Amino acid sequence: MNMASSKGKTKLETVEPIGKRVLIRKDQDKKTTKSGIHLPDKIEIPTLTGRVVAVSAQVDSDDDYPILQYDRVLFNPTDAIPVDFEGDNRLFVVPIENIVAVFRTAD
């Protein structure tokens, strides 16, 4: 290992899902109801939507799962595994079968 080339450089760590899984950044929990009522900090409306950050190679190559990186999705958080990667704890590895819908814009 050449120590001179690694001095002063920090390696960027990434999370890559494996198997039939995707990495999702969960949307912020809502603090206000649709009617405009502000909720106290201890009460939040659970949000089951998020943005796909990464897709496993297995999902990417399977035509049965039309999920792409950056898609906004609705997911069931039952089997979601939190990733302690960032301070906000909004990253989750989610089995592909727990994604129940993809938001698309009409052309």
PDB file of N, CA and C in Angstrom:
ATOM      1  N   MET A   1       0.835  -1.184   0.000  1.00  0.00           N
ATOM      2  CA  MET A   1       0.000   0.000   0.000  1.00  0.00           C
ATOM      3  C   MET A   1       0.877   1.244   0.000  1.00  0.00           C
ATOM      4  N   ASN A   2       0.611   2.124  -0.876  1.00  0.00           N
ATOM      5  CA  ASN A   2       1.379   3.347  -0.973  1.00  0.00           C
ATOM      6  C   ASN A   2       0.769   4.387  -0.033  1.00  0.00           C
ATOM      7  N   MET A   3       1.455   4.675   1.051  1.00  0.00           N
ATOM      8  CA  MET A   3       0.933   5.588   2.061  1.00  0.00           C
ATOM      9  C   MET A   3       0.922   7.026   1.569  1.00  0.00           C
ATOM     10  N   ALA A   4       1.813   7.383   0.688  1.00  0.00           N
ATOM     11  CA  ALA A   4       1.895   8.760   0.210  1.00  0.00           C
ATOM     12  C   ALA A   4       0.651   9.145  -0.579  1.00  0.00           C
ATOM     13  N   SER A   5       0.105   8.204  -1.354  1.00  0.00           N
ATOM     14  CA  SER A   5      -1.056   8.538  -2.176  1.00  0.00           C
ATOM     15  C   SER A   5      -2.341   8.614  -1.353  1.00  0.00           C
ATOM     16  N   SER A   6      -2.390   7.968  -0.189  1.00  0.00           N
ATOM     17  CA  SER A   6      -3.611   7.987   0.600  1.00  0.00           C
ATOM     18  C   SER A   6      -3.603   9.080   1.670  1.00  0.00           C
ATOM     19  N   LYS A   7      -2.494   9.801   1.792  1.00  0.00           N
ATOM     20  CA  LYS A   7      -2.421  10.870   2.788  1.00  0.00           C
ATOM     21  C   LYS A   7      -3.341  12.017   2.399  1.00  0.00           C
ATOM     22  N   GLY A   8      -4.090  12.502   3.364  1.00  0.00           N
ATOM     23  CA  GLY A   8      -4.925  13.670   3.145  1.00  0.00           C
ATOM     24  C   GLY A   8      -6.200  13.409   2.358  1.00  0.00           C
ATOM     25  N   LYS A   9      -6.413  12.191   1.916  1.00  0.00           N
ATOM     26  CA  LYS A   9      -7.624  11.868   1.167  1.00  0.00           C
ATOM     27  C   LYS A   9      -8.556  11.061   2.057  1.00  0.00           C
ATOM     28  N   THR A  10      -9.803  11.460   2.094  1.00  0.00           N
ATOM     29  CA  THR A  10     -10.789  10.672   2.811  1.00  0.00           C
ATOM     30  C   THR A  10     -11.616   9.919   1.791  1.00  0.00           C
ATOM     31  N   LYS A  11     -11.846   8.664   2.071  1.00  0.00           N
ATOM     32  CA  LYS A  11     -12.616   7.837   1.154  1.00  0.00           C
ATOM     33  C   LYS A  11     -14.100   8.049   1.408  1.00  0.00           C
ATOM     34  N   LEU A  12     -14.862   8.149   0.340  1.00  0.00           N
ATOM     35  CA  LEU A  12     -16.293   8.334   0.427  1.00  0.00           C
ATOM     36  C   LEU A  12     -16.945   6.961   0.592  1.00  0.00           C
ATOM     37  N   GLU A  13     -17.655   6.784   1.686  1.00  0.00           N
ATOM     38  CA  GLU A  13     -18.319   5.512   1.942  1.00  0.00           C
ATOM     39  C   GLU A  13     -19.734   5.563   1.370  1.00  0.00           C
ATOM     40  N   THR A  14     -20.118   4.499   0.689  1.00  0.00           N
ATOM     41  CA  THR A  14     -21.460   4.423   0.121  1.00  0.00           C
ATOM     42  C   THR A  14     -22.158   3.182   0.656  1.00  0.00           C
ATOM     43  N   VAL A  15     -23.459   3.135   0.489  1.00  0.00           N
ATOM     44  CA  VAL A  15     -24.257   1.982   0.888  1.00  0.00           C
ATOM     45  C   VAL A  15     -24.878   1.408  -0.372  1.00  0.00           C
ATOM     46  N   GLU A  16     -24.603   0.150  -0.659  1.00  0.00           N
ATOM     47  CA  GLU A  16     -25.151  -0.513  -1.835  1.00  0.00           C
ATOM     48  C   GLU A  16     -26.045  -1.660  -1.385  1.00  0.00           C
ATOM     49  N   PRO A  17     -27.338  -1.593  -1.686  1.00  0.00           N
ATOM     50  CA  PRO A  17     -28.224  -2.697  -1.294  1.00  0.00           C
ATOM     51  C   PRO A  17     -27.886  -3.956  -2.081  1.00  0.00           C
ATOM     52  N   ILE A  18     -28.123  -5.102  -1.454  1.00  0.00           N
ATOM     53  CA  ILE A  18     -27.834  -6.398  -2.058  1.00  0.00           C
ATOM     54  C   ILE A  18     -29.117  -7.217  -2.084  1.00  0.00           C
ATOM     55  N   GLY A  19     -29.256  -8.080  -3.083  1.00  0.00           N
ATOM     56  CA  GLY A  19     -30.466  -8.891  -3.209  1.00  0.00           C
ATOM     57  C   GLY A  19     -31.591  -8.056  -3.775  1.00  0.00           C
ATOM     58  N   LYS A  20     -32.801  -8.414  -3.454  1.00  0.00           N
ATOM     59  CA  LYS A  20     -33.966  -7.683  -3.965  1.00  0.00           C
ATOM     60  C   LYS A  20     -34.320  -6.556  -3.004  1.00  0.00           C
ATOM     61  N   ARG A  21     -33.416  -5.570  -2.928  1.00  0.00           N
ATOM     62  CA  ARG A  21     -33.594  -4.446  -2.010  1.00  0.00           C
ATOM     63  C   ARG A  21     -33.200  -3.141  -2.679  1.00  0.00           C
ATOM     64  N   VAL A  22     -33.730  -2.050  -2.125  1.00  0.00           N
ATOM     65  CA  VAL A  22     -33.359  -0.713  -2.564  1.00  0.00           C
ATOM     66  C   VAL A  22     -33.035   0.118  -1.330  1.00  0.00           C
ATOM     67  N   LEU A  23     -32.281   1.177  -1.549  1.00  0.00           N
ATOM     68  CA  LEU A  23     -31.964   2.116  -0.477  1.00  0.00           C
ATOM     69  C   LEU A  23     -32.845   3.338  -0.679  1.00  0.00           C
ATOM     70  N   ILE A  24     -33.597   3.698   0.360  1.00  0.00           N
ATOM     71  CA  ILE A  24     -34.551   4.808   0.268  1.00  0.00           C
ATOM     72  C   ILE A  24     -34.231   5.861   1.311  1.00  0.00           C
ATOM     73  N   ARG A  25     -34.290   7.122   0.890  1.00  0.00           N
ATOM     74  CA  ARG A  25     -34.221   8.243   1.837  1.00  0.00           C
ATOM     75  C   ARG A  25     -35.661   8.644   2.113  1.00  0.00           C
ATOM     76  N   LYS A  26     -36.111   8.379   3.324  1.00  0.00           N
ATOM     77  CA  LYS A  26     -37.486   8.666   3.711  1.00  0.00           C
ATOM     78  C   LYS A  26     -37.733  10.163   3.721  1.00  0.00           C
ATOM     79  N   ASP A  27     -38.903  10.560   3.242  1.00  0.00           N
ATOM     80  CA  ASP A  27     -39.289  11.966   3.291  1.00  0.00           C
ATOM     81  C   ASP A  27     -39.413  12.409   4.746  1.00  0.00           C
ATOM     82  N   GLN A  28     -39.289  13.703   4.956  1.00  0.00           N
ATOM     83  CA  GLN A  28     -39.451  14.258   6.299  1.00  0.00           C
ATOM     84  C   GLN A  28     -40.855  13.968   6.812  1.00  0.00           C
ATOM     85  N   ASP A  29     -40.969  13.642   8.104  1.00  0.00           N
ATOM     86  CA  ASP A  29     -42.286  13.470   8.704  1.00  0.00           C
ATOM     87  C   ASP A  29     -42.988  14.818   8.747  1.00  0.00           C
ATOM     88  N   LYS A  30     -44.275  14.775   8.533  1.00  0.00           N
ATOM     89  CA  LYS A  30     -45.051  16.014   8.475  1.00  0.00           C
ATOM     90  C   LYS A  30     -45.336  16.526   9.880  1.00  0.00           C
ATOM     91  N   LYS A  31     -45.234  17.826  10.040  1.00  0.00           N
ATOM     92  CA  LYS A  31     -45.507  18.475  11.324  1.00  0.00           C
ATOM     93  C   LYS A  31     -46.816  19.247  11.290  1.00  0.00           C
ATOM     94  N   THR A  32     -47.472  19.249  10.119  1.00  0.00           N
ATOM     95  CA  THR A  32     -48.722  19.983   9.960  1.00  0.00           C
ATOM     96  C   THR A  32     -49.722  19.093   9.238  1.00  0.00           C
ATOM     97  N   THR A  33     -50.960  19.092   9.700  1.00  0.00           N
ATOM     98  CA  THR A  33     -51.993  18.307   9.033  1.00  0.00           C
ATOM     99  C   THR A  33     -52.425  19.025   7.760  1.00  0.00           C
ATOM    100  N   LYS A  34     -53.202  18.329   6.919  1.00  0.00           N
ATOM    101  CA  LYS A  34     -53.679  18.936   5.672  1.00  0.00           C
ATOM    102  C   LYS A  34     -54.520  20.176   5.925  1.00  0.00           C
ATOM    103  N   SER A  35     -55.221  20.205   7.056  1.00  0.00           N
ATOM    104  CA  SER A  35     -56.064  21.366   7.357  1.00  0.00           C
ATOM    105  C   SER A  35     -55.266  22.512   7.970  1.00  0.00           C
ATOM    106  N   GLY A  36     -53.948  22.320   8.150  1.00  0.00           N
ATOM    107  CA  GLY A  36     -53.097  23.404   8.623  1.00  0.00           C
ATOM    108  C   GLY A  36     -52.838  23.419  10.112  1.00  0.00           C
ATOM    109  N   ILE A  37     -53.263  22.376  10.823  1.00  0.00           N
ATOM    110  CA  ILE A  37     -53.032  22.323  12.269  1.00  0.00           C
ATOM    111  C   ILE A  37     -51.588  21.907  12.515  1.00  0.00           C
ATOM    112  N   HIS A  38     -50.853  22.734  13.272  1.00  0.00           N
ATOM    113  CA  HIS A  38     -49.457  22.433  13.593  1.00  0.00           C
ATOM    114  C   HIS A  38     -49.416  21.432  14.743  1.00  0.00           C
ATOM    115  N   LEU A  39     -48.627  20.370  14.564  1.00  0.00           N
ATOM    116  CA  LEU A  39     -48.523  19.330  15.585  1.00  0.00           C
ATOM    117  C   LEU A  39     -47.334  19.586  16.493  1.00  0.00           C
ATOM    118  N   PRO A  40     -47.457  19.235  17.780  1.00  0.00           N
ATOM    119  CA  PRO A  40     -46.304  19.351  18.688  1.00  0.00           C
ATOM    120  C   PRO A  40     -45.173  18.450  18.207  1.00  0.00           C
ATOM    121  N   ASP A  41     -43.936  18.749  18.632  1.00  0.00           N
ATOM    122  CA  ASP A  41     -42.771  17.994  18.181  1.00  0.00           C
ATOM    123  C   ASP A  41     -42.858  16.508  18.483  1.00  0.00           C
ATOM    124  N   LYS A  42     -43.547  16.133  19.548  1.00  0.00           N
ATOM    125  CA  LYS A  42     -43.613  14.720  19.929  1.00  0.00           C
ATOM    126  C   LYS A  42     -44.593  13.930  19.070  1.00  0.00           C
ATOM    127  N   ILE A  43     -45.473  14.614  18.350  1.00  0.00           N
ATOM    128  CA  ILE A  43     -46.473  13.945  17.513  1.00  0.00           C
ATOM    129  C   ILE A  43     -46.124  14.201  16.052  1.00  0.00           C
ATOM    130  N   GLU A  44     -46.050  13.125  15.288  1.00  0.00           N
ATOM    131  CA  GLU A  44     -45.760  13.249  13.865  1.00  0.00           C
ATOM    132  C   GLU A  44     -46.686  12.347  13.085  1.00  0.00           C
ATOM    133  N   ILE A  45     -47.021  12.754  11.885  1.00  0.00           N
ATOM    134  CA  ILE A  45     -47.783  11.899  10.987  1.00  0.00           C
ATOM    135  C   ILE A  45     -46.763  11.033  10.262  1.00  0.00           C
ATOM    136  N   PRO A  46     -46.827   9.700  10.432  1.00  0.00           N
ATOM    137  CA  PRO A  46     -45.824   8.861   9.769  1.00  0.00           C
ATOM    138  C   PRO A  46     -45.909   8.990   8.258  1.00  0.00           C
ATOM    139  N   THR A  47     -44.777   9.172   7.632  1.00  0.00           N
ATOM    140  CA  THR A  47     -44.702   9.309   6.193  1.00  0.00           C
ATOM    141  C   THR A  47     -44.110   8.034   5.606  1.00  0.00           C
ATOM    142  N   LEU A  48     -44.760   7.485   4.645  1.00  0.00           N
ATOM    143  CA  LEU A  48     -44.309   6.242   4.041  1.00  0.00           C
ATOM    144  C   LEU A  48     -43.801   6.472   2.628  1.00  0.00           C
ATOM    145  N   THR A  49     -43.368   7.694   2.361  1.00  0.00           N
ATOM    146  CA  THR A  49     -42.834   7.989   1.041  1.00  0.00           C
ATOM    147  C   THR A  49     -41.360   8.336   1.163  1.00  0.00           C
ATOM    148  N   GLY A  50     -40.668   8.157   0.060  1.00  0.00           N
ATOM    149  CA  GLY A  50     -39.251   8.480   0.053  1.00  0.00           C
ATOM    150  C   GLY A  50     -38.713   8.452  -1.359  1.00  0.00           C
ATOM    151  N   ARG A  51     -37.427   8.748  -1.465  1.00  0.00           N
ATOM    152  CA  ARG A  51     -36.747   8.813  -2.760  1.00  0.00           C
ATOM    153  C   ARG A  51     -35.732   7.673  -2.808  1.00  0.00           C
ATOM    154  N   VAL A  52     -35.710   6.928  -3.914  1.00  0.00           N
ATOM    155  CA  VAL A  52     -34.771   5.826  -4.078  1.00  0.00           C
ATOM    156  C   VAL A  52     -33.370   6.402  -4.291  1.00  0.00           C
ATOM    157  N   VAL A  53     -32.447   6.022  -3.433  1.00  0.00           N
ATOM    158  CA  VAL A  53     -31.063   6.484  -3.509  1.00  0.00           C
ATOM    159  C   VAL A  53     -30.221   5.507  -4.325  1.00  0.00           C
ATOM    160  N   ALA A  54     -30.447   4.219  -4.121  1.00  0.00           N
ATOM    161  CA  ALA A  54     -29.682   3.192  -4.830  1.00  0.00           C
ATOM    162  C   ALA A  54     -30.555   1.956  -5.021  1.00  0.00           C
ATOM    163  N   VAL A  55     -30.311   1.252  -6.118  1.00  0.00           N
ATOM    164  CA  VAL A  55     -31.029   0.033  -6.456  1.00  0.00           C
ATOM    165  C   VAL A  55     -30.005  -1.088  -6.560  1.00  0.00           C
ATOM    166  N   SER A  56     -30.318  -2.252  -5.996  1.00  0.00           N
ATOM    167  CA  SER A  56     -29.386  -3.377  -6.099  1.00  0.00           C
ATOM    168  C   SER A  56     -29.286  -3.837  -7.546  1.00  0.00           C
ATOM    169  N   ALA A  57     -28.197  -4.507  -7.866  1.00  0.00           N
ATOM    170  CA  ALA A  57     -27.985  -5.019  -9.224  1.00  0.00           C
ATOM    171  C   ALA A  57     -29.078  -6.012  -9.602  1.00  0.00           C
ATOM    172  N   GLN A  58     -29.545  -6.794  -8.637  1.00  0.00           N
ATOM    173  CA  GLN A  58     -30.583  -7.791  -8.902  1.00  0.00           C
ATOM    174  C   GLN A  58     -31.902  -7.121  -9.287  1.00  0.00           C
ATOM    175  N   VAL A  59     -32.271  -6.052  -8.604  1.00  0.00           N
ATOM    176  CA  VAL A  59     -33.498  -5.323  -8.934  1.00  0.00           C
ATOM    177  C   VAL A  59     -33.340  -4.598 -10.257  1.00  0.00           C
ATOM    178  N   ASP A  60     -32.166  -4.017 -10.476  1.00  0.00           N
ATOM    179  CA  ASP A  60     -31.904  -3.265 -11.695  1.00  0.00           C
ATOM    180  C   ASP A  60     -32.031  -4.129 -12.950  1.00  0.00           C
ATOM    181  N   SER A  61     -31.664  -5.397 -12.838  1.00  0.00           N
ATOM    182  CA  SER A  61     -31.694  -6.282 -14.005  1.00  0.00           C
ATOM    183  C   SER A  61     -33.009  -7.045 -14.141  1.00  0.00           C
ATOM    184  N   ASP A  62     -33.963  -6.839 -13.224  1.00  0.00           N
ATOM    185  CA  ASP A  62     -35.240  -7.563 -13.253  1.00  0.00           C
ATOM    186  C   ASP A  62     -36.340  -6.650 -13.784  1.00  0.00           C
ATOM    187  N   ASP A  63     -36.899  -6.996 -14.946  1.00  0.00           N
ATOM    188  CA  ASP A  63     -37.935  -6.177 -15.573  1.00  0.00           C
ATOM    189  C   ASP A  63     -39.243  -6.155 -14.788  1.00  0.00           C
ATOM    190  N   ASP A  64     -39.417  -7.076 -13.850  1.00  0.00           N
ATOM    191  CA  ASP A  64     -40.634  -7.090 -13.032  1.00  0.00           C
ATOM    192  C   ASP A  64     -40.671  -5.942 -12.034  1.00  0.00           C
ATOM    193  N   TYR A  65     -39.531  -5.296 -11.806  1.00  0.00           N
ATOM    194  CA  TYR A  65     -39.448  -4.199 -10.857  1.00  0.00           C
ATOM    195  C   TYR A  65     -39.004  -2.924 -11.575  1.00  0.00           C
ATOM    196  N   PRO A  66     -39.952  -2.084 -11.987  1.00  0.00           N
ATOM    197  CA  PRO A  66     -39.606  -0.859 -12.721  1.00  0.00           C
ATOM    198  C   PRO A  66     -39.187   0.280 -11.784  1.00  0.00           C
ATOM    199  N   ILE A  67     -38.276  -0.009 -10.883  1.00  0.00           N
ATOM    200  CA  ILE A  67     -37.816   0.975  -9.901  1.00  0.00           C
ATOM    201  C   ILE A  67     -36.456   1.493 -10.357  1.00  0.00           C
ATOM    202  N   LEU A  68     -36.332   2.808 -10.412  1.00  0.00           N
ATOM    203  CA  LEU A  68     -35.080   3.439 -10.822  1.00  0.00           C
ATOM    204  C   LEU A  68     -34.561   4.356  -9.723  1.00  0.00           C
ATOM    205  N   GLN A  69     -33.271   4.626  -9.767  1.00  0.00           N
ATOM    206  CA  GLN A  69     -32.688   5.581  -8.827  1.00  0.00           C
ATOM    207  C   GLN A  69     -33.405   6.920  -8.988  1.00  0.00           C
ATOM    208  N   TYR A  70     -33.667   7.591  -7.910  1.00  0.00           N
ATOM    209  CA  TYR A  70     -34.337   8.895  -7.812  1.00  0.00           C
ATOM    210  C   TYR A  70     -35.856   8.819  -7.929  1.00  0.00           C
ATOM    211  N   ASP A  71     -36.430   7.625  -8.136  1.00  0.00           N
ATOM    212  CA  ASP A  71     -37.885   7.509  -8.137  1.00  0.00           C
ATOM    213  C   ASP A  71     -38.422   7.853  -6.754  1.00  0.00           C
ATOM    214  N   ARG A  72     -39.584   8.485  -6.729  1.00  0.00           N
ATOM    215  CA  ARG A  72     -40.277   8.723  -5.460  1.00  0.00           C
ATOM    216  C   ARG A  72     -41.256   7.576  -5.291  1.00  0.00           C
ATOM    217  N   VAL A  73     -41.237   6.929  -4.133  1.00  0.00           N
ATOM    218  CA  VAL A  73     -42.017   5.712  -3.934  1.00  0.00           C
ATOM    219  C   VAL A  73     -42.818   5.768  -2.636  1.00  0.00           C
ATOM    220  N   LEU A  74     -43.846   4.934  -2.600  1.00  0.00           N
ATOM    221  CA  LEU A  74     -44.636   4.686  -1.399  1.00  0.00           C
ATOM    222  C   LEU A  74     -44.216   3.309  -0.918  1.00  0.00           C
ATOM    223  N   PHE A  75     -43.836   3.199   0.371  1.00  0.00           N
ATOM    224  CA  PHE A  75     -43.359   1.902   0.833  1.00  0.00           C
ATOM    225  C   PHE A  75     -43.908   1.544   2.199  1.00  0.00           C
ATOM    226  N   ASN A  76     -43.982   0.240   2.441  1.00  0.00           N
ATOM    227  CA  ASN A  76     -44.393  -0.305   3.727  1.00  0.00           C
ATOM    228  C   ASN A  76     -43.138  -0.406   4.588  1.00  0.00           C
ATOM    229  N   PRO A  77     -43.080   0.309   5.725  1.00  0.00           N
ATOM    230  CA  PRO A  77     -41.854   0.341   6.522  1.00  0.00           C
ATOM    231  C   PRO A  77     -41.654  -0.857   7.448  1.00  0.00           C
ATOM    232  N   THR A  78     -42.541  -1.853   7.372  1.00  0.00           N
ATOM    233  CA  THR A  78     -42.475  -2.988   8.294  1.00  0.00           C
ATOM    234  C   THR A  78     -41.101  -3.650   8.335  1.00  0.00           C
ATOM    235  N   ASP A  79     -40.533  -3.969   7.180  1.00  0.00           N
ATOM    236  CA  ASP A  79     -39.252  -4.667   7.123  1.00  0.00           C
ATOM    237  C   ASP A  79     -38.093  -3.750   6.742  1.00  0.00           C
ATOM    238  N   ALA A  80     -38.320  -2.434   6.784  1.00  0.00           N
ATOM    239  CA  ALA A  80     -37.265  -1.480   6.441  1.00  0.00           C
ATOM    240  C   ALA A  80     -36.180  -1.511   7.514  1.00  0.00           C
ATOM    241  N   ILE A  81     -34.943  -1.551   7.080  1.00  0.00           N
ATOM    242  CA  ILE A  81     -33.804  -1.599   8.005  1.00  0.00           C
ATOM    243  C   ILE A  81     -33.131  -0.232   7.992  1.00  0.00           C
ATOM    244  N   PRO A  82     -33.140   0.470   9.143  1.00  0.00           N
ATOM    245  CA  PRO A  82     -32.501   1.790   9.169  1.00  0.00           C
ATOM    246  C   PRO A  82     -30.990   1.669   9.000  1.00  0.00           C
ATOM    247  N   VAL A  83     -30.419   2.614   8.277  1.00  0.00           N
ATOM    248  CA  VAL A  83     -28.983   2.641   8.043  1.00  0.00           C
ATOM    249  C   VAL A  83     -28.411   3.789   8.866  1.00  0.00           C
ATOM    250  N   ASP A  84     -27.575   3.458   9.833  1.00  0.00           N
ATOM    251  CA  ASP A  84     -26.963   4.474  10.683  1.00  0.00           C
ATOM    252  C   ASP A  84     -25.760   5.037   9.944  1.00  0.00           C
ATOM    253  N   PHE A  85     -26.037   5.827   8.916  1.00  0.00           N
ATOM    254  CA  PHE A  85     -25.006   6.306   8.007  1.00  0.00           C
ATOM    255  C   PHE A  85     -24.860   7.816   8.078  1.00  0.00           C
ATOM    256  N   GLU A  86     -25.969   8.490   8.339  1.00  0.00           N
ATOM    257  CA  GLU A  86     -25.981   9.940   8.445  1.00  0.00           C
ATOM    258  C   GLU A  86     -26.682  10.317   9.743  1.00  0.00           C
ATOM    259  N   GLY A  87     -26.468  11.507  10.194  1.00  0.00           N
ATOM    260  CA  GLY A  87     -27.049  11.946  11.448  1.00  0.00           C
ATOM    261  C   GLY A  87     -28.557  12.010  11.467  1.00  0.00           C
ATOM    262  N   ASP A  88     -29.181  12.165  10.290  1.00  0.00           N
ATOM    263  CA  ASP A  88     -30.635  12.328  10.286  1.00  0.00           C
ATOM    264  C   ASP A  88     -31.399  11.006  10.317  1.00  0.00           C
ATOM    265  N   ASN A  89     -30.709   9.871  10.144  1.00  0.00           N
ATOM    266  CA  ASN A  89     -31.331   8.542  10.194  1.00  0.00           C
ATOM    267  C   ASN A  89     -32.575   8.430   9.318  1.00  0.00           C
ATOM    268  N   ARG A  90     -32.471   8.901   8.088  1.00  0.00           N
ATOM    269  CA  ARG A  90     -33.589   8.802   7.159  1.00  0.00           C
ATOM    270  C   ARG A  90     -33.323   7.808   6.040  1.00  0.00           C
ATOM    271  N   LEU A  91     -32.184   7.108   6.076  1.00  0.00           N
ATOM    272  CA  LEU A  91     -31.877   6.101   5.058  1.00  0.00           C
ATOM    273  C   LEU A  91     -32.345   4.733   5.535  1.00  0.00           C
ATOM    274  N   PHE A  92     -32.991   4.006   4.621  1.00  0.00           N
ATOM    275  CA  PHE A  92     -33.490   2.676   4.955  1.00  0.00           C
ATOM    276  C   PHE A  92     -33.233   1.730   3.793  1.00  0.00           C
ATOM    277  N   VAL A  93     -32.828   0.498   4.100  1.00  0.00           N
ATOM    278  CA  VAL A  93     -32.761  -0.564   3.108  1.00  0.00           C
ATOM    279  C   VAL A  93     -34.116  -1.262   3.175  1.00  0.00           C
ATOM    280  N   VAL A  94     -34.794  -1.303   2.021  1.00  0.00           N
ATOM    281  CA  VAL A  94     -36.165  -1.797   1.968  1.00  0.00           C
ATOM    282  C   VAL A  94     -36.261  -2.940   0.962  1.00  0.00           C
ATOM    283  N   PRO A  95     -36.869  -4.078   1.355  1.00  0.00           N
ATOM    284  CA  PRO A  95     -37.095  -5.149   0.382  1.00  0.00           C
ATOM    285  C   PRO A  95     -37.993  -4.643  -0.741  1.00  0.00           C
ATOM    286  N   ILE A  96     -37.700  -5.059  -1.954  1.00  0.00           N
ATOM    287  CA  ILE A  96     -38.424  -4.556  -3.117  1.00  0.00           C
ATOM    288  C   ILE A  96     -39.921  -4.842  -3.020  1.00  0.00           C
ATOM    289  N   GLU A  97     -40.301  -5.943  -2.392  1.00  0.00           N
ATOM    290  CA  GLU A  97     -41.731  -6.254  -2.283  1.00  0.00           C
ATOM    291  C   GLU A  97     -42.461  -5.308  -1.328  1.00  0.00           C
ATOM    292  N   ASN A  98     -41.715  -4.521  -0.555  1.00  0.00           N
ATOM    293  CA  ASN A  98     -42.340  -3.546   0.345  1.00  0.00           C
ATOM    294  C   ASN A  98     -42.600  -2.208  -0.342  1.00  0.00           C
ATOM    295  N   ILE A  99     -42.156  -2.067  -1.575  1.00  0.00           N
ATOM    296  CA  ILE A  99     -42.491  -0.860  -2.337  1.00  0.00           C
ATOM    297  C   ILE A  99     -43.830  -1.138  -3.005  1.00  0.00           C
ATOM    298  N   VAL A 100     -44.822  -0.335  -2.655  1.00  0.00           N
ATOM    299  CA  VAL A 100     -46.176  -0.615  -3.128  1.00  0.00           C
ATOM    300  C   VAL A 100     -46.608   0.293  -4.278  1.00  0.00           C
ATOM    301  N   ALA A 101     -45.892   1.407  -4.500  1.00  0.00           N
ATOM    302  CA  ALA A 101     -46.242   2.301  -5.605  1.00  0.00           C
ATOM    303  C   ALA A 101     -45.070   3.187  -5.941  1.00  0.00           C
ATOM    304  N   VAL A 102     -45.032   3.605  -7.223  1.00  0.00           N
ATOM    305  CA  VAL A 102     -44.023   4.551  -7.704  1.00  0.00           C
ATOM    306  C   VAL A 102     -44.785   5.758  -8.233  1.00  0.00           C
ATOM    307  N   PHE A 103     -44.353   6.951  -7.834  1.00  0.00           N
ATOM    308  CA  PHE A 103     -44.980   8.175  -8.322  1.00  0.00           C
ATOM    309  C   PHE A 103     -44.376   8.514  -9.680  1.00  0.00           C
ATOM    310  N   ARG A 104     -45.214   8.679 -10.699  1.00  0.00           N
ATOM    311  CA  ARG A 104     -44.774   9.012 -12.043  1.00  0.00           C
ATOM    312  C   ARG A 104     -45.486  10.285 -12.501  1.00  0.00           C
ATOM    313  N   THR A 105     -44.830  11.057 -13.333  1.00  0.00           N
ATOM    314  CA  THR A 105     -45.486  12.213 -13.927  1.00  0.00           C
ATOM    315  C   THR A 105     -45.991  11.817 -15.303  1.00  0.00           C
ATOM    316  N   ALA A 106     -47.178  12.252 -15.631  1.00  0.00           N
ATOM    317  CA  ALA A 106     -47.764  11.924 -16.936  1.00  0.00           C
ATOM    318  C   ALA A 106     -47.085  12.743 -18.025  1.00  0.00           C
ATOM    319  N   ASP A 107     -46.825  12.100 -19.142  1.00  0.00           N
ATOM    320  CA  ASP A 107     -46.180  12.782 -20.271  1.00  0.00           C
ATOM    321  C   ASP A 107     -47.177  13.540 -21.115  1.00  0.00           C
TER     322      ASP A 107
END
